[in-house]
């Protein structure tokens, strides 16, 4: 009887393992601060659901590497794929690979260029990048009183975050309420802190004295702050804004260096992407476009966001 019970338990364990759903996750860059949080939320949610295995791959910012990862996932027989694209325009190629293999595919965070022509079993979960730029620039304009000089630190060129956030910020700063603000320059620092610090230093060395810095993400905003402080700027005289509401950014708001950021829910995007790909794999109904709202974070409400991601 004891042997029979042990055998039954072993069979149950093997059956559970055999039926575990496997999801391949191709991330554009592990080193990115926000994407690290996003990645961890996907892994955490898989653990909470039980019976779901996730395999993470780092494209290291290389489109060809990411395409190869998608091909390998499809060939290995995963139940679904989640991809955070290196570049929005590469979405069509990734989409075709998954479609040919009949594997469910969910794009997370970055909106692919082929969003309007998705085949069956494909979806996107992310946030409206223009909303982030609009929230950020509107608050910066208010803090500047609608007048002064500004610079824009852009993310990697060609990404939907760079395009949407920059376009919306420029549109706001050209509005009647903000038309007294002049954009001195806009350049990319590729989402990274050190390149942003170097670029900000170069601007200052060339004689620029911006009254505001609008960065497409928090890492670049923090790099700009380092350069400004090293160059003798007083942070209560320069408005600096970011996007993502990372822990480092929230701490910077509390010390008075960063003036504003925009919360991007890594939890909402990560959980939403995993839930959606599992729905598709299980033949359940799903939404092809899931938008997770951005939220403005200021010194007044910063404490509300310390445990959100």
C-alpha atoms as a PDB file:
ATOM      1  CA  UNK A   1       0.000   0.000   0.000  1.00  0.00           C
ATOM      2  CA  UNK A   2       2.849   2.356   0.917  1.00  0.00           C
ATOM      3  CA  UNK A   3       4.630   1.632  -2.395  1.00  0.00           C
ATOM      4  CA  UNK A   4       1.377   2.233  -4.283  1.00  0.00           C
ATOM      5  CA  UNK A   5       0.908   5.613  -2.607  1.00  0.00           C
ATOM      6  CA  UNK A   6       4.486   6.634  -3.406  1.00  0.00           C
ATOM      7  CA  UNK A   7       4.079   5.580  -7.025  1.00  0.00           C
ATOM      8  CA  UNK A   8       0.834   7.540  -7.304  1.00  0.00           C
ATOM      9  CA  UNK A   9       2.492  10.648  -5.869  1.00  0.00           C
ATOM     10  CA  UNK A  10       5.420  10.284  -8.266  1.00  0.00           C
ATOM     11  CA  UNK A  11       3.097   9.938 -11.257  1.00  0.00           C
ATOM     12  CA  UNK A  12       1.190  13.030 -10.153  1.00  0.00           C
ATOM     13  CA  UNK A  13       4.439  14.980  -9.871  1.00  0.00           C
ATOM     14  CA  UNK A  14       5.608  13.853 -13.302  1.00  0.00           C
ATOM     15  CA  UNK A  15       2.226  14.701 -14.810  1.00  0.00           C
ATOM     16  CA  UNK A  16       2.361  18.182 -13.306  1.00  0.00           C
ATOM     17  CA  UNK A  17       5.845  18.724 -14.673  1.00  0.00           C
ATOM     18  CA  UNK A  18       4.881  17.436 -18.093  1.00  0.00           C
ATOM     19  CA  UNK A  19       2.000  19.880 -18.318  1.00  0.00           C
ATOM     20  CA  UNK A  20       3.940  22.936 -17.152  1.00  0.00           C
ATOM     21  CA  UNK A  21       3.449  25.739 -19.657  1.00  0.00           C
ATOM     22  CA  UNK A  22       6.715  27.105 -21.029  1.00  0.00           C
ATOM     23  CA  UNK A  23       6.988  30.735 -22.066  1.00  0.00           C
ATOM     24  CA  UNK A  24      10.042  32.177 -23.800  1.00  0.00           C
ATOM     25  CA  UNK A  25      10.818  35.799 -22.934  1.00  0.00           C
ATOM     26  CA  UNK A  26      13.129  37.810 -25.210  1.00  0.00           C
ATOM     27  CA  UNK A  27      14.215  41.080 -23.599  1.00  0.00           C
ATOM     28  CA  UNK A  28      15.945  43.851 -25.532  1.00  0.00           C
ATOM     29  CA  UNK A  29      18.493  44.587 -22.799  1.00  0.00           C
ATOM     30  CA  UNK A  30      18.962  43.093 -19.328  1.00  0.00           C
ATOM     31  CA  UNK A  31      21.108  46.046 -18.201  1.00  0.00           C
ATOM     32  CA  UNK A  32      18.280  48.583 -18.519  1.00  0.00           C
ATOM     33  CA  UNK A  33      16.998  49.582 -15.072  1.00  0.00           C
ATOM     34  CA  UNK A  34      13.285  49.640 -15.872  1.00  0.00           C
ATOM     35  CA  UNK A  35      13.415  46.493 -18.006  1.00  0.00           C
ATOM     36  CA  UNK A  36      15.093  44.679 -15.111  1.00  0.00           C
ATOM     37  CA  UNK A  37      12.069  45.481 -12.963  1.00  0.00           C
ATOM     38  CA  UNK A  38       9.751  44.409 -15.790  1.00  0.00           C
ATOM     39  CA  UNK A  39      11.634  41.127 -16.186  1.00  0.00           C
ATOM     40  CA  UNK A  40      11.467  40.395 -12.463  1.00  0.00           C
ATOM     41  CA  UNK A  41       7.713  41.039 -12.435  1.00  0.00           C
ATOM     42  CA  UNK A  42       7.176  38.506 -15.215  1.00  0.00           C
ATOM     43  CA  UNK A  43       9.235  35.940 -13.294  1.00  0.00           C
ATOM     44  CA  UNK A  44       7.453  36.703 -10.023  1.00  0.00           C
ATOM     45  CA  UNK A  45       4.012  36.379 -11.599  1.00  0.00           C
ATOM     46  CA  UNK A  46       4.940  33.047 -13.204  1.00  0.00           C
ATOM     47  CA  UNK A  47       5.905  31.777  -9.755  1.00  0.00           C
ATOM     48  CA  UNK A  48       2.613  32.978  -8.303  1.00  0.00           C
ATOM     49  CA  UNK A  49       0.574  31.252 -11.006  1.00  0.00           C
ATOM     50  CA  UNK A  50       2.329  27.901 -10.595  1.00  0.00           C
ATOM     51  CA  UNK A  51       2.821  25.441 -13.428  1.00  0.00           C
ATOM     52  CA  UNK A  52       4.356  28.162 -15.620  1.00  0.00           C
ATOM     53  CA  UNK A  53       8.037  28.201 -16.572  1.00  0.00           C
ATOM     54  CA  UNK A  54       9.696  31.246 -18.130  1.00  0.00           C
ATOM     55  CA  UNK A  55      12.976  31.227 -20.020  1.00  0.00           C
ATOM     56  CA  UNK A  56      14.627  34.661 -20.217  1.00  0.00           C
ATOM     57  CA  UNK A  57      16.998  35.692 -23.024  1.00  0.00           C
ATOM     58  CA  UNK A  58      18.972  38.945 -23.362  1.00  0.00           C
ATOM     59  CA  UNK A  59      19.236  40.425 -26.878  1.00  0.00           C
ATOM     60  CA  UNK A  60      21.885  42.885 -25.651  1.00  0.00           C
ATOM     61  CA  UNK A  61      20.422  45.578 -27.893  1.00  0.00           C
ATOM     62  CA  UNK A  62      20.986  43.503 -31.041  1.00  0.00           C
ATOM     63  CA  UNK A  63      18.047  43.019 -33.444  1.00  0.00           C
ATOM     64  CA  UNK A  64      19.611  40.004 -35.184  1.00  0.00           C
ATOM     65  CA  UNK A  65      20.301  38.341 -31.835  1.00  0.00           C
ATOM     66  CA  UNK A  66      16.705  38.881 -30.765  1.00  0.00           C
ATOM     67  CA  UNK A  67      15.347  37.464 -34.016  1.00  0.00           C
ATOM     68  CA  UNK A  68      17.499  34.361 -33.508  1.00  0.00           C
ATOM     69  CA  UNK A  69      16.116  34.012 -29.975  1.00  0.00           C
ATOM     70  CA  UNK A  70      12.525  34.142 -31.278  1.00  0.00           C
ATOM     71  CA  UNK A  71      13.371  31.485 -33.895  1.00  0.00           C
ATOM     72  CA  UNK A  72      14.926  29.259 -31.233  1.00  0.00           C
ATOM     73  CA  UNK A  73      11.933  29.641 -28.930  1.00  0.00           C
ATOM     74  CA  UNK A  74       9.556  28.705 -31.760  1.00  0.00           C
ATOM     75  CA  UNK A  75      11.668  25.688 -32.762  1.00  0.00           C
ATOM     76  CA  UNK A  76      11.899  24.429 -29.169  1.00  0.00           C
ATOM     77  CA  UNK A  77       8.126  24.160 -28.859  1.00  0.00           C
ATOM     78  CA  UNK A  78       7.363  26.749 -26.202  1.00  0.00           C
ATOM     79  CA  UNK A  79       3.701  27.427 -25.474  1.00  0.00           C
ATOM     80  CA  UNK A  80       4.106  31.157 -26.021  1.00  0.00           C
ATOM     81  CA  UNK A  81       6.596  33.993 -26.482  1.00  0.00           C
ATOM     82  CA  UNK A  82       6.850  37.426 -24.854  1.00  0.00           C
ATOM     83  CA  UNK A  83       9.147  39.953 -26.513  1.00  0.00           C
ATOM     84  CA  UNK A  84      10.363  43.400 -25.516  1.00  0.00           C
ATOM     85  CA  UNK A  85      11.658  44.636 -28.864  1.00  0.00           C
ATOM     86  CA  UNK A  86      15.079  46.110 -29.493  1.00  0.00           C
ATOM     87  CA  UNK A  87      13.507  48.262 -32.212  1.00  0.00           C
ATOM     88  CA  UNK A  88       9.865  48.949 -33.045  1.00  0.00           C
ATOM     89  CA  UNK A  89      10.383  48.365 -36.771  1.00  0.00           C
ATOM     90  CA  UNK A  90      11.655  44.821 -36.150  1.00  0.00           C
ATOM     91  CA  UNK A  91       8.220  43.801 -34.837  1.00  0.00           C
ATOM     92  CA  UNK A  92       6.997  42.693 -38.280  1.00  0.00           C
ATOM     93  CA  UNK A  93       9.822  40.152 -38.666  1.00  0.00           C
ATOM     94  CA  UNK A  94       9.281  38.757 -35.147  1.00  0.00           C
ATOM     95  CA  UNK A  95       5.562  38.561 -35.828  1.00  0.00           C
ATOM     96  CA  UNK A  96       6.075  36.529 -39.009  1.00  0.00           C
ATOM     97  CA  UNK A  97       8.369  34.030 -37.264  1.00  0.00           C
ATOM     98  CA  UNK A  98       5.788  33.335 -34.546  1.00  0.00           C
ATOM     99  CA  UNK A  99       2.910  33.205 -37.023  1.00  0.00           C
ATOM    100  CA  UNK A 100       4.659  30.620 -39.223  1.00  0.00           C
ATOM    101  CA  UNK A 101       5.382  28.475 -36.168  1.00  0.00           C
ATOM    102  CA  UNK A 102       1.838  28.876 -34.823  1.00  0.00           C
ATOM    103  CA  UNK A 103       3.190  30.096 -31.483  1.00  0.00           C
ATOM    104  CA  UNK A 104       1.322  32.796 -29.501  1.00  0.00           C
ATOM    105  CA  UNK A 105       3.319  36.030 -29.321  1.00  0.00           C
ATOM    106  CA  UNK A 106       2.824  39.012 -27.008  1.00  0.00           C
ATOM    107  CA  UNK A 107       4.829  42.203 -27.414  1.00  0.00           C
ATOM    108  CA  UNK A 108       5.391  43.920 -24.075  1.00  0.00           C
ATOM    109  CA  UNK A 109       6.214  47.573 -23.415  1.00  0.00           C
ATOM    110  CA  UNK A 110       7.405  48.700 -26.855  1.00  0.00           C
ATOM    111  CA  UNK A 111       4.628  49.082 -29.399  1.00  0.00           C
ATOM    112  CA  UNK A 112       5.661  47.301 -32.621  1.00  0.00           C
ATOM    113  CA  UNK A 113       5.336  49.084 -35.950  1.00  0.00           C
ATOM    114  CA  UNK A 114       2.955  46.362 -37.214  1.00  0.00           C
ATOM    115  CA  UNK A 115       0.425  46.801 -34.399  1.00  0.00           C
ATOM    116  CA  UNK A 116      -2.454  47.420 -36.835  1.00  0.00           C
ATOM    117  CA  UNK A 117      -1.769  44.252 -38.852  1.00  0.00           C
ATOM    118  CA  UNK A 118      -1.319  41.657 -36.118  1.00  0.00           C
ATOM    119  CA  UNK A 119      -2.215  38.096 -37.169  1.00  0.00           C
ATOM    120  CA  UNK A 120      -4.216  35.840 -34.877  1.00  0.00           C
ATOM    121  CA  UNK A 121      -2.643  34.763 -31.585  1.00  0.00           C
ATOM    122  CA  UNK A 122      -0.665  37.988 -31.200  1.00  0.00           C
ATOM    123  CA  UNK A 123      -1.124  40.989 -28.909  1.00  0.00           C
ATOM    124  CA  UNK A 124       0.567  43.961 -27.251  1.00  0.00           C
ATOM    125  CA  UNK A 125       0.626  44.953 -23.565  1.00  0.00           C
ATOM    126  CA  UNK A 126       2.192  48.278 -22.686  1.00  0.00           C
ATOM    127  CA  UNK A 127       1.571  51.975 -22.130  1.00  0.00           C
ATOM    128  CA  UNK A 128       0.831  54.968 -24.363  1.00  0.00           C
ATOM    129  CA  UNK A 129       4.235  56.637 -24.713  1.00  0.00           C
ATOM    130  CA  UNK A 130       2.736  59.952 -25.758  1.00  0.00           C
ATOM    131  CA  UNK A 131       0.784  60.069 -22.507  1.00  0.00           C
ATOM    132  CA  UNK A 132       4.091  59.890 -20.614  1.00  0.00           C
ATOM    133  CA  UNK A 133       5.599  62.767 -22.593  1.00  0.00           C
ATOM    134  CA  UNK A 134       2.475  64.855 -22.199  1.00  0.00           C
ATOM    135  CA  UNK A 135       2.241  64.351 -18.430  1.00  0.00           C
ATOM    136  CA  UNK A 136       5.946  65.114 -18.015  1.00  0.00           C
ATOM    137  CA  UNK A 137       6.083  68.227 -20.198  1.00  0.00           C
ATOM    138  CA  UNK A 138       2.847  69.690 -18.821  1.00  0.00           C
ATOM    139  CA  UNK A 139       4.222  69.523 -15.282  1.00  0.00           C
ATOM    140  CA  UNK A 140       7.609  70.928 -16.359  1.00  0.00           C
ATOM    141  CA  UNK A 141       5.879  73.817 -18.115  1.00  0.00           C
ATOM    142  CA  UNK A 142       3.915  74.552 -14.946  1.00  0.00           C
ATOM    143  CA  UNK A 143       7.051  74.479 -12.792  1.00  0.00           C
ATOM    144  CA  UNK A 144       8.830  76.807 -15.247  1.00  0.00           C
ATOM    145  CA  UNK A 145       5.939  79.239 -15.369  1.00  0.00           C
ATOM    146  CA  UNK A 146       5.801  78.752 -19.138  1.00  0.00           C
ATOM    147  CA  UNK A 147       9.151  80.442 -19.759  1.00  0.00           C
ATOM    148  CA  UNK A 148      12.846  79.541 -20.033  1.00  0.00           C
ATOM    149  CA  UNK A 149      15.255  77.265 -21.880  1.00  0.00           C
ATOM    150  CA  UNK A 150      15.056  73.467 -21.978  1.00  0.00           C
ATOM    151  CA  UNK A 151      16.951  70.482 -23.360  1.00  0.00           C
ATOM    152  CA  UNK A 152      15.581  67.030 -24.150  1.00  0.00           C
ATOM    153  CA  UNK A 153      17.482  63.805 -23.468  1.00  0.00           C
ATOM    154  CA  UNK A 154      16.094  61.186 -25.805  1.00  0.00           C
ATOM    155  CA  UNK A 155      16.156  57.412 -25.520  1.00  0.00           C
ATOM    156  CA  UNK A 156      17.490  55.085 -28.209  1.00  0.00           C
ATOM    157  CA  UNK A 157      16.432  56.451 -31.590  1.00  0.00           C
ATOM    158  CA  UNK A 158      13.746  54.421 -33.321  1.00  0.00           C
ATOM    159  CA  UNK A 159      12.146  53.079 -30.155  1.00  0.00           C
ATOM    160  CA  UNK A 160       8.502  53.891 -29.521  1.00  0.00           C
ATOM    161  CA  UNK A 161       9.407  55.359 -26.128  1.00  0.00           C
ATOM    162  CA  UNK A 162      11.828  57.827 -27.710  1.00  0.00           C
ATOM    163  CA  UNK A 163       9.422  58.721 -30.496  1.00  0.00           C
ATOM    164  CA  UNK A 164       6.248  59.051 -28.451  1.00  0.00           C
ATOM    165  CA  UNK A 165       7.643  60.752 -25.367  1.00  0.00           C
ATOM    166  CA  UNK A 166       9.708  63.251 -27.363  1.00  0.00           C
ATOM    167  CA  UNK A 167       6.924  64.109 -29.808  1.00  0.00           C
ATOM    168  CA  UNK A 168       4.427  64.698 -27.010  1.00  0.00           C
ATOM    169  CA  UNK A 169       6.877  66.810 -24.994  1.00  0.00           C
ATOM    170  CA  UNK A 170       7.652  68.979 -28.021  1.00  0.00           C
ATOM    171  CA  UNK A 171       3.944  69.385 -28.758  1.00  0.00           C
ATOM    172  CA  UNK A 172       3.198  70.512 -25.191  1.00  0.00           C
ATOM    173  CA  UNK A 173       6.099  72.971 -25.163  1.00  0.00           C
ATOM    174  CA  UNK A 174       4.766  74.513 -28.392  1.00  0.00           C
ATOM    175  CA  UNK A 175       1.308  75.094 -26.913  1.00  0.00           C
ATOM    176  CA  UNK A 176       0.065  78.590 -26.018  1.00  0.00           C
ATOM    177  CA  UNK A 177       0.650  78.009 -22.293  1.00  0.00           C
ATOM    178  CA  UNK A 178       4.269  76.949 -22.841  1.00  0.00           C
ATOM    179  CA  UNK A 179       5.360  78.851 -25.952  1.00  0.00           C
ATOM    180  CA  UNK A 180       7.763  80.954 -23.842  1.00  0.00           C
ATOM    181  CA  UNK A 181       9.944  77.838 -23.412  1.00  0.00           C
ATOM    182  CA  UNK A 182      12.712  77.374 -25.983  1.00  0.00           C
ATOM    183  CA  UNK A 183      14.186  73.938 -26.679  1.00  0.00           C
ATOM    184  CA  UNK A 184      17.940  74.493 -26.968  1.00  0.00           C
ATOM    185  CA  UNK A 185      18.783  70.974 -28.158  1.00  0.00           C
ATOM    186  CA  UNK A 186      17.531  67.371 -28.279  1.00  0.00           C
ATOM    187  CA  UNK A 187      19.946  64.452 -28.450  1.00  0.00           C
ATOM    188  CA  UNK A 188      19.957  60.752 -27.600  1.00  0.00           C
ATOM    189  CA  UNK A 189      21.721  59.234 -24.602  1.00  0.00           C
ATOM    190  CA  UNK A 190      20.341  55.731 -25.355  1.00  0.00           C
ATOM    191  CA  UNK A 191      18.366  55.416 -22.089  1.00  0.00           C
ATOM    192  CA  UNK A 192      21.613  55.201 -20.073  1.00  0.00           C
ATOM    193  CA  UNK A 193      22.876  57.226 -17.113  1.00  0.00           C
ATOM    194  CA  UNK A 194      26.550  57.653 -18.044  1.00  0.00           C
ATOM    195  CA  UNK A 195      25.937  58.752 -21.669  1.00  0.00           C
ATOM    196  CA  UNK A 196      23.364  61.239 -20.346  1.00  0.00           C
ATOM    197  CA  UNK A 197      25.884  62.616 -17.867  1.00  0.00           C
ATOM    198  CA  UNK A 198      28.458  62.993 -20.648  1.00  0.00           C
ATOM    199  CA  UNK A 199      25.977  64.674 -22.990  1.00  0.00           C
ATOM    200  CA  UNK A 200      24.802  67.061 -20.282  1.00  0.00           C
ATOM    201  CA  UNK A 201      28.417  67.924 -19.462  1.00  0.00           C
ATOM    202  CA  UNK A 202      29.083  68.673 -23.140  1.00  0.00           C
ATOM    203  CA  UNK A 203      26.057  70.957 -23.316  1.00  0.00           C
ATOM    204  CA  UNK A 204      27.156  72.862 -20.220  1.00  0.00           C
ATOM    205  CA  UNK A 205      30.749  73.108 -21.479  1.00  0.00           C
ATOM    206  CA  UNK A 206      29.468  74.578 -24.754  1.00  0.00           C
ATOM    207  CA  UNK A 207      27.827  77.378 -22.780  1.00  0.00           C
ATOM    208  CA  UNK A 208      24.250  76.117 -22.434  1.00  0.00           C
ATOM    209  CA  UNK A 209      22.441  77.009 -19.228  1.00  0.00           C
ATOM    210  CA  UNK A 210      19.140  75.150 -19.351  1.00  0.00           C
ATOM    211  CA  UNK A 211      16.333  75.962 -16.949  1.00  0.00           C
ATOM    212  CA  UNK A 212      14.872  72.491 -17.474  1.00  0.00           C
ATOM    213  CA  UNK A 213      15.900  68.995 -18.569  1.00  0.00           C
ATOM    214  CA  UNK A 214      13.257  66.672 -19.959  1.00  0.00           C
ATOM    215  CA  UNK A 215      14.607  63.120 -20.107  1.00  0.00           C
ATOM    216  CA  UNK A 216      12.782  60.256 -21.819  1.00  0.00           C
ATOM    217  CA  UNK A 217      13.552  58.075 -18.790  1.00  0.00           C
ATOM    218  CA  UNK A 218      14.800  58.288 -15.203  1.00  0.00           C
ATOM    219  CA  UNK A 219      18.266  56.894 -15.843  1.00  0.00           C
ATOM    220  CA  UNK A 220      19.067  59.769 -18.196  1.00  0.00           C
ATOM    221  CA  UNK A 221      17.501  62.290 -15.822  1.00  0.00           C
ATOM    222  CA  UNK A 222      19.740  61.029 -13.022  1.00  0.00           C
ATOM    223  CA  UNK A 223      22.788  61.258 -15.279  1.00  0.00           C
ATOM    224  CA  UNK A 224      21.873  64.855 -16.102  1.00  0.00           C
ATOM    225  CA  UNK A 225      21.559  65.654 -12.397  1.00  0.00           C
ATOM    226  CA  UNK A 226      25.065  64.298 -11.765  1.00  0.00           C
ATOM    227  CA  UNK A 227      26.476  66.523 -14.512  1.00  0.00           C
ATOM    228  CA  UNK A 228      24.578  69.593 -13.338  1.00  0.00           C
ATOM    229  CA  UNK A 229      25.727  69.186  -9.750  1.00  0.00           C
ATOM    230  CA  UNK A 230      29.320  68.550 -10.825  1.00  0.00           C
ATOM    231  CA  UNK A 231      29.187  71.768 -12.846  1.00  0.00           C
ATOM    232  CA  UNK A 232      28.017  73.811  -9.888  1.00  0.00           C
ATOM    233  CA  UNK A 233      24.321  74.123 -10.715  1.00  0.00           C
ATOM    234  CA  UNK A 234      21.936  74.409  -7.778  1.00  0.00           C
ATOM    235  CA  UNK A 235      19.189  71.868  -8.226  1.00  0.00           C
ATOM    236  CA  UNK A 236      16.475  74.192  -6.943  1.00  0.00           C
ATOM    237  CA  UNK A 237      17.183  76.382  -9.982  1.00  0.00           C
ATOM    238  CA  UNK A 238      16.835  73.673 -12.650  1.00  0.00           C
ATOM    239  CA  UNK A 239      13.727  71.582 -13.325  1.00  0.00           C
ATOM    240  CA  UNK A 240      14.652  67.967 -14.103  1.00  0.00           C
ATOM    241  CA  UNK A 241      12.072  65.398 -15.185  1.00  0.00           C
ATOM    242  CA  UNK A 242      12.203  61.697 -16.008  1.00  0.00           C
ATOM    243  CA  UNK A 243       9.913  58.764 -16.786  1.00  0.00           C
ATOM    244  CA  UNK A 244       9.505  55.316 -15.145  1.00  0.00           C
ATOM    245  CA  UNK A 245       9.455  56.053 -11.387  1.00  0.00           C
ATOM    246  CA  UNK A 246      12.355  53.708 -10.645  1.00  0.00           C
ATOM    247  CA  UNK A 247      13.478  53.383  -7.042  1.00  0.00           C
ATOM    248  CA  UNK A 248      16.535  55.563  -7.713  1.00  0.00           C
ATOM    249  CA  UNK A 249      14.321  58.244  -9.216  1.00  0.00           C
ATOM    250  CA  UNK A 250      11.884  58.189  -6.306  1.00  0.00           C
ATOM    251  CA  UNK A 251      14.808  58.571  -3.892  1.00  0.00           C
ATOM    252  CA  UNK A 252      16.060  61.520  -5.968  1.00  0.00           C
ATOM    253  CA  UNK A 253      12.678  63.215  -5.734  1.00  0.00           C
ATOM    254  CA  UNK A 254      12.774  62.828  -1.959  1.00  0.00           C
ATOM    255  CA  UNK A 255      16.208  64.507  -1.782  1.00  0.00           C
ATOM    256  CA  UNK A 256      14.963  67.382  -3.926  1.00  0.00           C
ATOM    257  CA  UNK A 257      17.152  66.747  -6.982  1.00  0.00           C
ATOM    258  CA  UNK A 258      14.588  65.265  -9.380  1.00  0.00           C
ATOM    259  CA  UNK A 259      11.430  67.344  -9.700  1.00  0.00           C
ATOM    260  CA  UNK A 260       9.051  64.973 -11.452  1.00  0.00           C
ATOM    261  CA  UNK A 261       8.803  61.546 -13.001  1.00  0.00           C
ATOM    262  CA  UNK A 262       6.034  59.505 -14.614  1.00  0.00           C
ATOM    263  CA  UNK A 263       5.137  56.113 -13.184  1.00  0.00           C
ATOM    264  CA  UNK A 264       5.265  53.259 -15.677  1.00  0.00           C
ATOM    265  CA  UNK A 265       3.801  50.100 -14.203  1.00  0.00           C
ATOM    266  CA  UNK A 266       6.296  47.273 -14.651  1.00  0.00           C
ATOM    267  CA  UNK A 267       3.947  45.186 -12.520  1.00  0.00           C
ATOM    268  CA  UNK A 268       0.950  45.909 -14.741  1.00  0.00           C
ATOM    269  CA  UNK A 269       2.865  45.322 -17.970  1.00  0.00           C
ATOM    270  CA  UNK A 270       4.653  42.195 -16.746  1.00  0.00           C
ATOM    271  CA  UNK A 271       1.577  40.519 -15.304  1.00  0.00           C
ATOM    272  CA  UNK A 272      -0.560  41.621 -18.256  1.00  0.00           C
ATOM    273  CA  UNK A 273       1.867  40.220 -20.822  1.00  0.00           C
ATOM    274  CA  UNK A 274       2.124  36.832 -19.098  1.00  0.00           C
ATOM    275  CA  UNK A 275      -1.639  36.587 -18.510  1.00  0.00           C
ATOM    276  CA  UNK A 276      -2.332  37.482 -22.149  1.00  0.00           C
ATOM    277  CA  UNK A 277       0.086  34.980 -23.694  1.00  0.00           C
ATOM    278  CA  UNK A 278      -1.317  32.243 -21.451  1.00  0.00           C
ATOM    279  CA  UNK A 279      -4.889  33.113 -22.494  1.00  0.00           C
ATOM    280  CA  UNK A 280      -3.911  32.843 -26.151  1.00  0.00           C
ATOM    281  CA  UNK A 281      -2.084  29.535 -25.567  1.00  0.00           C
ATOM    282  CA  UNK A 282      -5.123  28.129 -23.750  1.00  0.00           C
ATOM    283  CA  UNK A 283      -7.552  29.207 -26.459  1.00  0.00           C
ATOM    284  CA  UNK A 284      -9.275  31.718 -24.176  1.00  0.00           C
ATOM    285  CA  UNK A 285     -10.564  35.124 -25.235  1.00  0.00           C
ATOM    286  CA  UNK A 286      -8.043  37.957 -24.984  1.00  0.00           C
ATOM    287  CA  UNK A 287      -7.589  41.632 -25.820  1.00  0.00           C
ATOM    288  CA  UNK A 288      -5.220  42.357 -28.693  1.00  0.00           C
ATOM    289  CA  UNK A 289      -4.173  45.703 -27.210  1.00  0.00           C
ATOM    290  CA  UNK A 290      -3.875  46.198 -23.454  1.00  0.00           C
ATOM    291  CA  UNK A 291      -2.922  49.733 -22.378  1.00  0.00           C
ATOM    292  CA  UNK A 292      -1.581  50.278 -18.846  1.00  0.00           C
ATOM    293  CA  UNK A 293      -1.906  53.998 -17.899  1.00  0.00           C
ATOM    294  CA  UNK A 294       1.014  56.224 -16.922  1.00  0.00           C
ATOM    295  CA  UNK A 295       0.740  58.327 -13.739  1.00  0.00           C
ATOM    296  CA  UNK A 296       2.417  61.602 -12.731  1.00  0.00           C
ATOM    297  CA  UNK A 297       4.729  61.424  -9.702  1.00  0.00           C
ATOM    298  CA  UNK A 298       5.673  64.599  -7.808  1.00  0.00           C
ATOM    299  CA  UNK A 299       7.117  65.380  -4.356  1.00  0.00           C
ATOM    300  CA  UNK A 300       3.542  65.575  -3.086  1.00  0.00           C
ATOM    301  CA  UNK A 301       2.606  61.961  -3.936  1.00  0.00           C
ATOM    302  CA  UNK A 302       6.003  60.228  -4.197  1.00  0.00           C
ATOM    303  CA  UNK A 303       5.413  58.089  -1.097  1.00  0.00           C
ATOM    304  CA  UNK A 304       2.446  56.426  -2.841  1.00  0.00           C
ATOM    305  CA  UNK A 305       4.787  54.904  -5.451  1.00  0.00           C
ATOM    306  CA  UNK A 306       7.637  53.475  -3.369  1.00  0.00           C
ATOM    307  CA  UNK A 307       6.246  49.923  -3.473  1.00  0.00           C
ATOM    308  CA  UNK A 308       4.238  50.020  -6.717  1.00  0.00           C
ATOM    309  CA  UNK A 309       6.807  48.243  -8.936  1.00  0.00           C
END
